[in-house]
Amino acid sequence: MVRDSKKKEEKPKESQFKKFLIKRAPIYLAAIAIMIIFIVPDLIKGDLQSSFPQTLTQEEKLVVDSLMAYNGPNEKGLSLIDAISKEISEEYPNEKIYDNKKTKVNVVVSNIENEKYQVIFDFESYKDDFHYNWNIDMQTGDIKGNDEESKYIINLVNFYD
């Protein structure tokens, strides 16, 4: 019986691995947090919509969303964002262009009049640039291209079968 009581009184040995983890846990948590904040958003960026700048105001986002959702006078078929994505994918076949660090998408929204806005859309990459300039009337939903490339995209959407 004396032997049994001695075994119960002895403290269990702590594992060296457990001590190692407890001592360095804040460092590991900080490293994981940094990865989540800085690396993961770049990894999940995979389409044009997710590449838009996050600094737009609510009003500007509404204007850009209305513009990109435009799908012609018949309101069916190809949307404006799909047409732009198609142009980009034709230029960069079999590439994950949105994952490239040199790829930048800039959107500038300017108020011309009460409900009329000018939207300048720039897509820049390591190989080529696409620049579009549209005017949109938020009341009527009319969209007008201000340069040849922008007019071409609008015609592509308007006459898509």
Protein backbone atom coordinates (compact mmCIF):
# COMPACT_ATOMS: atom_id res chain seq x y z
CA MET A 1 0.00 0.00 0.00
CA VAL A 2 2.87 2.32 0.58
CA ARG A 3 3.89 2.05 -3.04
CA ASP A 4 0.44 3.06 -4.33
CA SER A 5 0.36 6.25 -2.29
CA LYS A 6 3.77 7.32 -3.58
CA LYS A 7 2.61 7.00 -7.18
CA LYS A 8 -0.42 9.18 -6.52
CA GLU A 9 1.62 11.90 -4.85
CA GLU A 10 4.05 12.28 -7.73
CA LYS A 11 3.16 15.05 -10.19
CA PRO A 12 2.73 14.05 -13.79
CA LYS A 13 5.61 15.11 -16.00
CA GLU A 14 4.95 18.06 -18.30
CA SER A 15 5.83 17.48 -21.89
CA GLN A 16 8.60 19.58 -23.40
CA PHE A 17 6.52 20.10 -26.53
CA LYS A 18 3.64 21.60 -24.52
CA LYS A 19 6.03 24.01 -22.78
CA PHE A 20 7.48 24.99 -26.15
CA LEU A 21 4.05 25.78 -27.61
CA ILE A 22 2.80 27.72 -24.59
CA LYS A 23 5.94 29.83 -24.50
CA ARG A 24 5.69 30.79 -28.20
CA ALA A 25 1.92 30.89 -28.72
CA PRO A 26 1.71 34.72 -29.08
CA ILE A 27 4.33 34.65 -31.83
CA TYR A 28 2.44 31.97 -33.75
CA LEU A 29 -0.87 33.80 -33.35
CA ALA A 30 0.69 37.02 -34.62
CA ALA A 31 2.14 35.23 -37.64
CA ILE A 32 -1.22 33.66 -38.47
CA ALA A 33 -2.98 37.03 -38.10
CA ILE A 34 -0.50 38.71 -40.44
CA MET A 35 -1.03 35.98 -43.04
CA ILE A 36 -4.80 36.34 -42.82
CA ILE A 37 -4.70 40.13 -43.13
CA PHE A 38 -2.10 40.54 -45.87
CA ILE A 39 -1.69 37.32 -47.83
CA VAL A 40 -5.12 35.68 -47.98
CA PRO A 41 -6.93 38.60 -49.72
CA ASP A 42 -4.38 38.49 -52.53
CA LEU A 43 -4.81 34.74 -52.87
CA ILE A 44 -8.60 34.84 -53.11
CA LYS A 45 -8.62 37.71 -55.59
CA GLY A 46 -9.57 35.95 -58.78
CA ASP A 47 -12.00 37.98 -60.83
CA LEU A 48 -12.52 41.52 -62.05
CA GLN A 49 -15.19 42.42 -59.49
CA SER A 50 -12.98 41.48 -56.55
CA SER A 51 -10.13 43.56 -58.01
CA PHE A 52 -12.04 46.84 -57.73
CA PRO A 53 -10.60 49.31 -55.24
CA GLN A 54 -12.05 49.14 -51.74
CA THR A 55 -11.78 52.91 -51.21
CA LEU A 56 -14.98 53.81 -53.07
CA THR A 57 -17.75 55.53 -51.13
CA GLN A 58 -21.24 54.03 -50.94
CA GLU A 59 -22.50 56.42 -53.62
CA GLU A 60 -19.58 55.59 -55.90
CA LYS A 61 -20.11 51.85 -55.35
CA LEU A 62 -23.77 52.25 -56.31
CA VAL A 63 -22.80 54.05 -59.53
CA VAL A 64 -20.12 51.45 -60.41
CA ASP A 65 -22.46 48.54 -59.61
CA SER A 66 -25.19 50.07 -61.80
CA LEU A 67 -22.74 50.59 -64.63
CA MET A 68 -21.23 47.11 -64.42
CA ALA A 69 -24.66 45.47 -64.22
CA TYR A 70 -25.83 47.20 -67.42
CA ASN A 71 -26.85 44.53 -69.93
CA GLY A 72 -28.24 46.44 -72.86
CA PRO A 73 -31.62 47.80 -73.89
CA ASN A 74 -33.20 44.32 -73.93
CA GLU A 75 -31.92 43.66 -70.39
CA LYS A 76 -30.76 40.18 -71.14
CA GLY A 77 -27.52 38.65 -72.20
CA LEU A 78 -24.05 40.04 -71.62
CA SER A 79 -23.46 42.56 -68.83
CA LEU A 80 -20.84 45.29 -69.03
CA ILE A 81 -18.57 43.60 -66.48
CA ASP A 82 -18.82 40.34 -68.41
CA ALA A 83 -17.85 42.13 -71.64
CA ILE A 84 -14.81 43.71 -69.98
CA SER A 85 -13.83 40.38 -68.42
CA LYS A 86 -14.17 38.74 -71.84
CA GLU A 87 -11.86 41.33 -73.40
CA ILE A 88 -9.29 40.79 -70.65
CA SER A 89 -9.48 37.00 -70.89
CA GLU A 90 -8.98 37.18 -74.67
CA GLU A 91 -5.84 39.25 -74.11
CA TYR A 92 -4.55 36.88 -71.39
CA PRO A 93 -5.67 33.36 -72.31
CA ASN A 94 -4.81 30.60 -69.83
CA GLU A 95 -3.42 33.09 -67.30
CA LYS A 96 -4.56 34.01 -63.83
CA ILE A 97 -4.08 37.70 -64.54
CA TYR A 98 -5.87 38.87 -61.40
CA ASP A 99 -3.37 36.97 -59.25
CA ASN A 100 -0.42 38.85 -60.78
CA LYS A 101 1.07 41.51 -58.47
CA LYS A 102 1.41 43.96 -61.37
CA THR A 103 -2.30 43.86 -62.15
CA LYS A 104 -4.14 46.96 -60.97
CA VAL A 105 -7.73 48.05 -61.40
CA ASN A 106 -8.55 51.71 -60.83
CA VAL A 107 -12.03 53.16 -60.87
CA VAL A 108 -12.68 56.90 -60.60
CA VAL A 109 -16.23 58.21 -60.25
CA SER A 110 -16.95 61.92 -60.77
CA ASN A 111 -20.28 63.68 -60.36
CA ILE A 112 -21.01 65.76 -63.48
CA GLU A 113 -24.50 66.96 -62.58
CA ASN A 114 -27.20 65.93 -60.12
CA GLU A 115 -27.66 62.31 -61.20
CA LYS A 116 -25.06 62.15 -63.97
CA TYR A 117 -21.66 60.63 -63.33
CA GLN A 118 -18.47 60.00 -65.25
CA VAL A 119 -16.77 56.67 -64.55
CA ILE A 120 -13.18 56.11 -65.62
CA PHE A 121 -12.10 52.47 -65.50
CA ASP A 122 -8.42 51.54 -65.90
CA PHE A 123 -7.08 47.99 -66.00
CA GLU A 124 -3.29 47.83 -65.95
CA SER A 125 -1.13 44.71 -66.10
CA TYR A 126 2.39 43.69 -66.96
CA LYS A 127 1.55 43.35 -70.65
CA ASP A 128 -1.28 45.71 -71.63
CA ASP A 129 -3.68 48.38 -70.41
CA PHE A 130 -7.41 48.85 -70.92
CA HIS A 131 -8.89 52.30 -70.38
CA TYR A 132 -12.61 53.01 -70.49
CA ASN A 133 -14.54 56.23 -69.92
CA TRP A 134 -18.34 56.29 -69.58
CA ASN A 135 -21.05 58.70 -68.58
CA ILE A 136 -24.03 57.25 -66.73
CA ASP A 137 -27.33 58.88 -65.90
CA MET A 138 -28.57 57.23 -62.73
CA GLN A 139 -32.16 58.46 -63.25
CA THR A 140 -32.67 57.04 -66.72
CA GLY A 141 -29.95 54.37 -66.74
CA ASP A 142 -28.48 55.70 -69.99
CA ILE A 143 -24.81 54.94 -70.56
CA LYS A 144 -22.64 56.68 -73.11
CA GLY A 145 -19.05 55.84 -74.05
CA ASN A 146 -16.72 58.83 -74.21
CA ASP A 147 -13.99 57.14 -76.29
CA GLU A 148 -13.78 54.44 -78.97
CA GLU A 149 -12.93 51.56 -76.61
CA SER A 150 -15.81 52.45 -74.29
CA LYS A 151 -18.23 52.75 -77.20
CA TYR A 152 -17.08 49.36 -78.49
CA ILE A 153 -17.84 47.70 -75.12
CA ILE A 154 -21.28 49.37 -74.98
CA ASN A 155 -22.03 48.17 -78.54
CA LEU A 156 -20.84 44.68 -77.61
CA VAL A 157 -23.35 44.64 -74.72
CA ASN A 158 -26.19 46.29 -76.67
CA PHE A 159 -25.98 43.96 -79.67
CA TYR A 160 -25.12 40.73 -77.88
CA ASP A 161 -27.33 37.80 -78.95
